[in-house]
PDB file of all heavy atoms in Angstrom:
ATOM      1  N   LEU A   1     -28.335  20.988 -78.304  1.00  0.00           N
ATOM      2  CA  LEU A   1     -27.573  19.796 -78.644  1.00  0.00           C
ATOM      3  C   LEU A   1     -26.066  20.060 -78.480  1.00  0.00           C
ATOM      4  O   LEU A   1     -25.546  21.103 -78.875  1.00  0.00           O
ATOM      5  CB  LEU A   1     -27.817  19.409 -80.116  1.00  0.00           C
ATOM      6  CG  LEU A   1     -29.237  18.931 -80.425  1.00  0.00           C
ATOM      7  CD1 LEU A   1     -29.383  18.745 -81.946  1.00  0.00           C
ATOM      8  CD2 LEU A   1     -29.584  17.640 -79.692  1.00  0.00           C
ATOM      9  N   PRO A   2     -25.354  19.134 -77.840  1.00  0.00           N
ATOM     10  CA  PRO A   2     -23.906  19.306 -77.743  1.00  0.00           C
ATOM     11  C   PRO A   2     -23.251  19.170 -79.129  1.00  0.00           C
ATOM     12  O   PRO A   2     -23.829  18.615 -80.036  1.00  0.00           O
ATOM     13  CB  PRO A   2     -23.475  18.172 -76.799  1.00  0.00           C
ATOM     14  CG  PRO A   2     -24.541  17.142 -76.938  1.00  0.00           C
ATOM     15  CD  PRO A   2     -25.814  17.890 -77.201  1.00  0.00           C
ATOM     16  N   ASP A   3     -22.041  19.702 -79.248  1.00  0.00           N
ATOM     17  CA  ASP A   3     -21.365  19.705 -80.529  1.00  0.00           C
ATOM     18  C   ASP A   3     -21.148  18.319 -81.105  1.00  0.00           C
ATOM     19  O   ASP A   3     -21.141  18.129 -82.329  1.00  0.00           O
ATOM     20  CB  ASP A   3     -20.017  20.441 -80.441  1.00  0.00           C
ATOM     21  CG  ASP A   3     -20.171  21.920 -80.345  1.00  0.00           C
ATOM     22  OD1 ASP A   3     -21.279  22.431 -80.604  1.00  0.00           O
ATOM     23  OD2 ASP A   3     -19.173  22.603 -79.962  1.00  0.00           O
ATOM     24  N   ASP A   4     -21.010  17.316 -80.206  1.00  0.00           N
ATOM     25  CA  ASP A   4     -20.732  15.967 -80.714  1.00  0.00           C
ATOM     26  C   ASP A   4     -22.018  15.144 -80.927  1.00  0.00           C
ATOM     27  O   ASP A   4     -21.965  13.945 -81.219  1.00  0.00           O
ATOM     28  CB  ASP A   4     -19.789  15.202 -79.778  1.00  0.00           C
ATOM     29  CG  ASP A   4     -20.384  15.020 -78.389  1.00  0.00           C
ATOM     30  OD1 ASP A   4     -21.448  15.609 -78.080  1.00  0.00           O
ATOM     31  OD2 ASP A   4     -19.777  14.246 -77.599  1.00  0.00           O
ATOM     32  N   ALA A   5     -23.181  15.766 -80.755  1.00  0.00           N
ATOM     33  CA  ALA A   5     -24.432  15.081 -81.072  1.00  0.00           C
ATOM     34  C   ALA A   5     -24.434  14.691 -82.554  1.00  0.00           C
ATOM     35  O   ALA A   5     -23.938  15.481 -83.397  1.00  0.00           O
ATOM     36  CB  ALA A   5     -25.640  15.933 -80.754  1.00  0.00           C
ATOM     37  N   GLU A   6     -24.954  13.529 -82.877  1.00  0.00           N
ATOM     38  CA  GLU A   6     -24.903  13.012 -84.238  1.00  0.00           C
ATOM     39  C   GLU A   6     -26.283  12.593 -84.681  1.00  0.00           C
ATOM     40  O   GLU A   6     -26.955  11.798 -84.018  1.00  0.00           O
ATOM     41  CB  GLU A   6     -23.951  11.822 -84.327  1.00  0.00           C
ATOM     42  CG  GLU A   6     -23.784  11.248 -85.717  1.00  0.00           C
ATOM     43  CD  GLU A   6     -22.918  10.003 -85.707  1.00  0.00           C
ATOM     44  OE1 GLU A   6     -22.755   9.382 -84.653  1.00  0.00           O
ATOM     45  OE2 GLU A   6     -22.369   9.640 -86.779  1.00  0.00           O
ATOM     46  N   LEU A   7     -26.740  13.123 -85.828  1.00  0.00           N
ATOM     47  CA  LEU A   7     -27.989  12.673 -86.410  1.00  0.00           C
ATOM     48  C   LEU A   7     -27.714  11.585 -87.412  1.00  0.00           C
ATOM     49  O   LEU A   7     -26.913  11.761 -88.330  1.00  0.00           O
ATOM     50  CB  LEU A   7     -28.699  13.832 -87.122  1.00  0.00           C
ATOM     51  CG  LEU A   7     -30.004  13.458 -87.844  1.00  0.00           C
ATOM     52  CD1 LEU A   7     -31.100  13.076 -86.820  1.00  0.00           C
ATOM     53  CD2 LEU A   7     -30.505  14.604 -88.700  1.00  0.00           C
ATOM     54  N   VAL A   8     -28.390  10.409 -87.225  1.00  0.00           N
ATOM     55  CA  VAL A   8     -28.228   9.267 -88.128  1.00  0.00           C
ATOM     56  C   VAL A   8     -29.598   8.985 -88.754  1.00  0.00           C
ATOM     57  O   VAL A   8     -30.580   8.813 -88.043  1.00  0.00           O
ATOM     58  CB  VAL A   8     -27.715   8.035 -87.364  1.00  0.00           C
ATOM     59  CG1 VAL A   8     -27.563   6.865 -88.344  1.00  0.00           C
ATOM     60  CG2 VAL A   8     -26.402   8.339 -86.687  1.00  0.00           C
ATOM     61  N   VAL A   9     -29.653   8.952 -90.068  1.00  0.00           N
ATOM     62  CA  VAL A   9     -30.860   8.694 -90.825  1.00  0.00           C
ATOM     63  C   VAL A   9     -30.600   7.510 -91.718  1.00  0.00           C
ATOM     64  O   VAL A   9     -29.562   7.470 -92.397  1.00  0.00           O
ATOM     65  CB  VAL A   9     -31.331   9.908 -91.642  1.00  0.00           C
ATOM     66  CG1 VAL A   9     -32.683   9.610 -92.316  1.00  0.00           C
ATOM     67  CG2 VAL A   9     -31.453  11.134 -90.771  1.00  0.00           C
ATOM     68  N   GLU A  10     -31.514   6.536 -91.747  1.00  0.00           N
ATOM     69  CA  GLU A  10     -31.333   5.389 -92.639  1.00  0.00           C
ATOM     70  C   GLU A  10     -32.644   4.962 -93.248  1.00  0.00           C
ATOM     71  O   GLU A  10     -33.716   5.176 -92.661  1.00  0.00           O
ATOM     72  CB  GLU A  10     -30.655   4.236 -91.920  1.00  0.00           C
ATOM     73  CG  GLU A  10     -31.470   3.587 -90.820  1.00  0.00           C
ATOM     74  CD  GLU A  10     -30.759   2.379 -90.210  1.00  0.00           C
ATOM     75  OE1 GLU A  10     -29.491   2.390 -90.169  1.00  0.00           O
ATOM     76  OE2 GLU A  10     -31.440   1.442 -89.798  1.00  0.00           O
ATOM     77  N   ALA A  11     -32.558   4.318 -94.405  1.00  0.00           N
ATOM     78  CA  ALA A  11     -33.716   3.755 -95.085  1.00  0.00           C
ATOM     79  C   ALA A  11     -33.434   2.308 -95.377  1.00  0.00           C
ATOM     80  O   ALA A  11     -32.337   1.958 -95.855  1.00  0.00           O
ATOM     81  CB  ALA A  11     -33.989   4.504 -96.395  1.00  0.00           C
ATOM     82  N   ARG A  12     -34.432   1.443 -95.085  1.00  0.00           N
ATOM     83  CA  ARG A  12     -34.285   0.011 -95.282  1.00  0.00           C
ATOM     84  C   ARG A  12     -35.410  -0.554 -96.122  1.00  0.00           C
ATOM     85  O   ARG A  12     -36.505   0.006 -96.124  1.00  0.00           O
ATOM     86  CB  ARG A  12     -34.179  -0.733 -93.948  1.00  0.00           C
ATOM     87  CG  ARG A  12     -32.891  -0.410 -93.158  1.00  0.00           C
ATOM     88  CD  ARG A  12     -32.756  -1.226 -91.912  1.00  0.00           C
ATOM     89  NE  ARG A  12     -31.492  -0.941 -91.225  1.00  0.00           N
ATOM     90  CZ  ARG A  12     -30.358  -1.532 -91.459  1.00  0.00           C
ATOM     91  NH1 ARG A  12     -30.326  -2.540 -92.362  1.00  0.00           N
ATOM     92  NH2 ARG A  12     -29.249  -1.241 -90.810  1.00  0.00           N
ATOM     93  N   GLY A  13     -35.136  -1.652 -96.831  1.00  0.00           N
ATOM     94  CA  GLY A  13     -36.106  -2.239 -97.737  1.00  0.00           C
ATOM     95  C   GLY A  13     -36.330  -3.706 -97.469  1.00  0.00           C
ATOM     96  O   GLY A  13     -36.433  -4.162 -96.327  1.00  0.00           O
ATOM     97  N   PHE A  14     -36.395  -4.525 -98.528  1.00  0.00           N
ATOM     98  CA  PHE A  14     -36.682  -5.960 -98.478  1.00  0.00           C
ATOM     99  C   PHE A  14     -35.718  -6.653 -97.538  1.00  0.00           C
ATOM    100  O   PHE A  14     -34.494  -6.459 -97.550  1.00  0.00           O
ATOM    101  CB  PHE A  14     -36.523  -6.567 -99.893  1.00  0.00           C
ATOM    102  CG  PHE A  14     -36.645  -8.036 -99.946  1.00  0.00           C
ATOM    103  CD1 PHE A  14     -37.849  -8.688 -99.759  1.00  0.00           C
ATOM    104  CD2 PHE A  14     -35.502  -8.807-100.184  1.00  0.00           C
ATOM    105  CE1 PHE A  14     -37.963 -10.047 -99.849  1.00  0.00           C
ATOM    106  CE2 PHE A  14     -35.585 -10.198-100.277  1.00  0.00           C
ATOM    107  CZ  PHE A  14     -36.826 -10.811-100.062  1.00  0.00           C
ATOM    108  N   GLN A  15     -36.287  -7.478 -96.601  1.00  0.00           N
ATOM    109  CA  GLN A  15     -35.508  -8.214 -95.602  1.00  0.00           C
ATOM    110  C   GLN A  15     -34.576  -7.323 -94.817  1.00  0.00           C
ATOM    111  O   GLN A  15     -33.471  -7.695 -94.467  1.00  0.00           O
ATOM    112  CB  GLN A  15     -34.717  -9.344 -96.285  1.00  0.00           C
ATOM    113  CG  GLN A  15     -35.588 -10.442 -96.894  1.00  0.00           C
ATOM    114  CD  GLN A  15     -36.355 -11.242 -95.853  1.00  0.00           C
ATOM    115  OE1 GLN A  15     -37.560 -11.070 -95.755  1.00  0.00           O
ATOM    116  NE2 GLN A  15     -35.675 -12.102 -95.148  1.00  0.00           N
ATOM    117  N   ASN A  16     -35.062  -6.085 -94.582  1.00  0.00           N
ATOM    118  CA  ASN A  16     -34.321  -5.106 -93.770  1.00  0.00           C
ATOM    119  C   ASN A  16     -33.005  -4.691 -94.425  1.00  0.00           C
ATOM    120  O   ASN A  16     -32.078  -4.211 -93.762  1.00  0.00           O
ATOM    121  CB  ASN A  16     -34.029  -5.632 -92.372  1.00  0.00           C
ATOM    122  CG  ASN A  16     -33.974  -4.533 -91.331  1.00  0.00           C
ATOM    123  OD1 ASN A  16     -34.689  -3.537 -91.413  1.00  0.00           O
ATOM    124  ND2 ASN A  16     -33.090  -4.678 -90.358  1.00  0.00           N
ATOM    125  N   ALA A  17     -32.916  -4.838 -95.750  1.00  0.00           N
ATOM    126  CA  ALA A  17     -31.701  -4.446 -96.462  1.00  0.00           C
ATOM    127  C   ALA A  17     -31.473  -2.921 -96.367  1.00  0.00           C
ATOM    128  O   ALA A  17     -32.437  -2.146 -96.517  1.00  0.00           O
ATOM    129  CB  ALA A  17     -31.780  -4.833 -97.933  1.00  0.00           C
ATOM    130  N   LEU A  18     -30.253  -2.513 -96.072  1.00  0.00           N
ATOM    131  CA  LEU A  18     -29.928  -1.094 -95.969  1.00  0.00           C
ATOM    132  C   LEU A  18     -29.859  -0.485 -97.348  1.00  0.00           C
ATOM    133  O   LEU A  18     -29.023  -0.854 -98.160  1.00  0.00           O
ATOM    134  CB  LEU A  18     -28.600  -0.944 -95.225  1.00  0.00           C
ATOM    135  CG  LEU A  18     -28.145   0.508 -94.985  1.00  0.00           C
ATOM    136  CD1 LEU A  18     -29.130   1.227 -94.051  1.00  0.00           C
ATOM    137  CD2 LEU A  18     -26.729   0.549 -94.420  1.00  0.00           C
ATOM    138  N   LEU A  19     -30.749   0.496 -97.598  1.00  0.00           N
ATOM    139  CA  LEU A  19     -30.793   1.187 -98.880  1.00  0.00           C
ATOM    140  C   LEU A  19     -29.934   2.464 -98.860  1.00  0.00           C
ATOM    141  O   LEU A  19     -29.297   2.792 -99.866  1.00  0.00           O
ATOM    142  CB  LEU A  19     -32.233   1.540 -99.241  1.00  0.00           C
ATOM    143  CG  LEU A  19     -33.197   0.387 -99.408  1.00  0.00           C
ATOM    144  CD1 LEU A  19     -34.592   0.884 -99.663  1.00  0.00           C
ATOM    145  CD2 LEU A  19     -32.729  -0.535-100.522  1.00  0.00           C
ATOM    146  N   ALA A  20     -29.918   3.160 -97.765  1.00  0.00           N
ATOM    147  CA  ALA A  20     -29.154   4.398 -97.653  1.00  0.00           C
ATOM    148  C   ALA A  20     -29.018   4.810 -96.199  1.00  0.00           C
ATOM    149  O   ALA A  20     -29.884   4.500 -95.387  1.00  0.00           O
ATOM    150  CB  ALA A  20     -29.827   5.522 -98.447  1.00  0.00           C
ATOM    151  N   THR A  21     -27.932   5.450 -95.888  1.00  0.00           N
ATOM    152  CA  THR A  21     -27.740   5.980 -94.543  1.00  0.00           C
ATOM    153  C   THR A  21     -26.911   7.246 -94.622  1.00  0.00           C
ATOM    154  O   THR A  21     -26.095   7.424 -95.548  1.00  0.00           O
ATOM    155  CB  THR A  21     -27.068   4.935 -93.633  1.00  0.00           C
ATOM    156  OG1 THR A  21     -27.017   5.458 -92.278  1.00  0.00           O
ATOM    157  CG2 THR A  21     -25.658   4.614 -94.094  1.00  0.00           C
ATOM    158  N   ASP A  22     -27.105   8.143 -93.657  1.00  0.00           N
ATOM    159  CA  ASP A  22     -26.332   9.382 -93.626  1.00  0.00           C
ATOM    160  C   ASP A  22     -26.218   9.806 -92.171  1.00  0.00           C
ATOM    161  O   ASP A  22     -27.127   9.554 -91.346  1.00  0.00           O
ATOM    162  CB  ASP A  22     -27.007  10.464 -94.461  1.00  0.00           C
ATOM    163  CG  ASP A  22     -26.114  11.721 -94.573  1.00  0.00           C
ATOM    164  OD1 ASP A  22     -24.886  11.529 -94.658  1.00  0.00           O
ATOM    165  OD2 ASP A  22     -26.644  12.821 -94.558  1.00  0.00           O
ATOM    166  N   SER A  23     -25.106  10.403 -91.819  1.00  0.00           N
ATOM    167  CA  SER A  23     -24.909  10.880 -90.467  1.00  0.00           C
ATOM    168  C   SER A  23     -24.086  12.177 -90.488  1.00  0.00           C
ATOM    169  O   SER A  23     -23.275  12.352 -91.425  1.00  0.00           O
ATOM    170  CB  SER A  23     -24.228   9.818 -89.589  1.00  0.00           C
ATOM    171  OG  SER A  23     -22.932   9.518 -90.092  1.00  0.00           O
ATOM    172  N   ALA A  24     -24.270  12.985 -89.499  1.00  0.00           N
ATOM    173  CA  ALA A  24     -23.516  14.241 -89.383  1.00  0.00           C
ATOM    174  C   ALA A  24     -23.531  14.698 -87.950  1.00  0.00           C
ATOM    175  O   ALA A  24     -24.519  14.496 -87.231  1.00  0.00           O
ATOM    176  CB  ALA A  24     -24.111  15.321 -90.295  1.00  0.00           C
ATOM    177  N   GLU A  25     -22.420  15.320 -87.518  1.00  0.00           N
ATOM    178  CA  GLU A  25     -22.342  15.871 -86.158  1.00  0.00           C
ATOM    179  C   GLU A  25     -22.920  17.274 -86.131  1.00  0.00           C
ATOM    180  O   GLU A  25     -22.944  17.989 -87.132  1.00  0.00           O
ATOM    181  CB  GLU A  25     -20.890  15.860 -85.668  1.00  0.00           C
ATOM    182  CG  GLU A  25     -20.373  14.484 -85.398  1.00  0.00           C
ATOM    183  CD  GLU A  25     -19.046  14.518 -84.660  1.00  0.00           C
ATOM    184  OE1 GLU A  25     -18.447  15.603 -84.557  1.00  0.00           O
ATOM    185  OE2 GLU A  25     -18.570  13.439 -84.203  1.00  0.00           O
ATOM    186  N   ALA A  26     -23.366  17.658 -84.929  1.00  0.00           N
ATOM    187  CA  ALA A  26     -24.031  18.951 -84.801  1.00  0.00           C
ATOM    188  C   ALA A  26     -23.086  20.105 -85.040  1.00  0.00           C
ATOM    189  O   ALA A  26     -23.348  21.010 -85.870  1.00  0.00           O
ATOM    190  CB  ALA A  26     -24.679  19.074 -83.388  1.00  0.00           C
ATOM    191  N   ASN A  27     -21.966  20.132 -84.309  1.00  0.00           N
ATOM    192  CA  ASN A  27     -21.025  21.266 -84.437  1.00  0.00           C
ATOM    193  C   ASN A  27     -21.744  22.623 -84.414  1.00  0.00           C
ATOM    194  O   ASN A  27     -21.551  23.467 -85.230  1.00  0.00           O
ATOM    195  CB  ASN A  27     -20.199  21.126 -85.732  1.00  0.00           C
ATOM    196  CG  ASN A  27     -19.259  19.938 -85.683  1.00  0.00           C
ATOM    197  OD1 ASN A  27     -18.735  19.618 -84.665  1.00  0.00           O
ATOM    198  ND2 ASN A  27     -19.096  19.267 -86.837  1.00  0.00           N
ATOM    199  N   GLY A  28     -22.613  22.755 -83.400  1.00  0.00           N
ATOM    200  CA  GLY A  28     -23.351  23.997 -83.232  1.00  0.00           C
ATOM    201  C   GLY A  28     -24.718  24.006 -83.887  1.00  0.00           C
ATOM    202  O   GLY A  28     -25.538  24.913 -83.616  1.00  0.00           O
TER     203      GLY A  28
END
């Protein structure tokens, strides 16, 4: 993975409401 690759994780609920999200870059 390149250093600027980003992992995005999210959880959604009723009517696709966003419950939580998190992201971070690889940086190695």
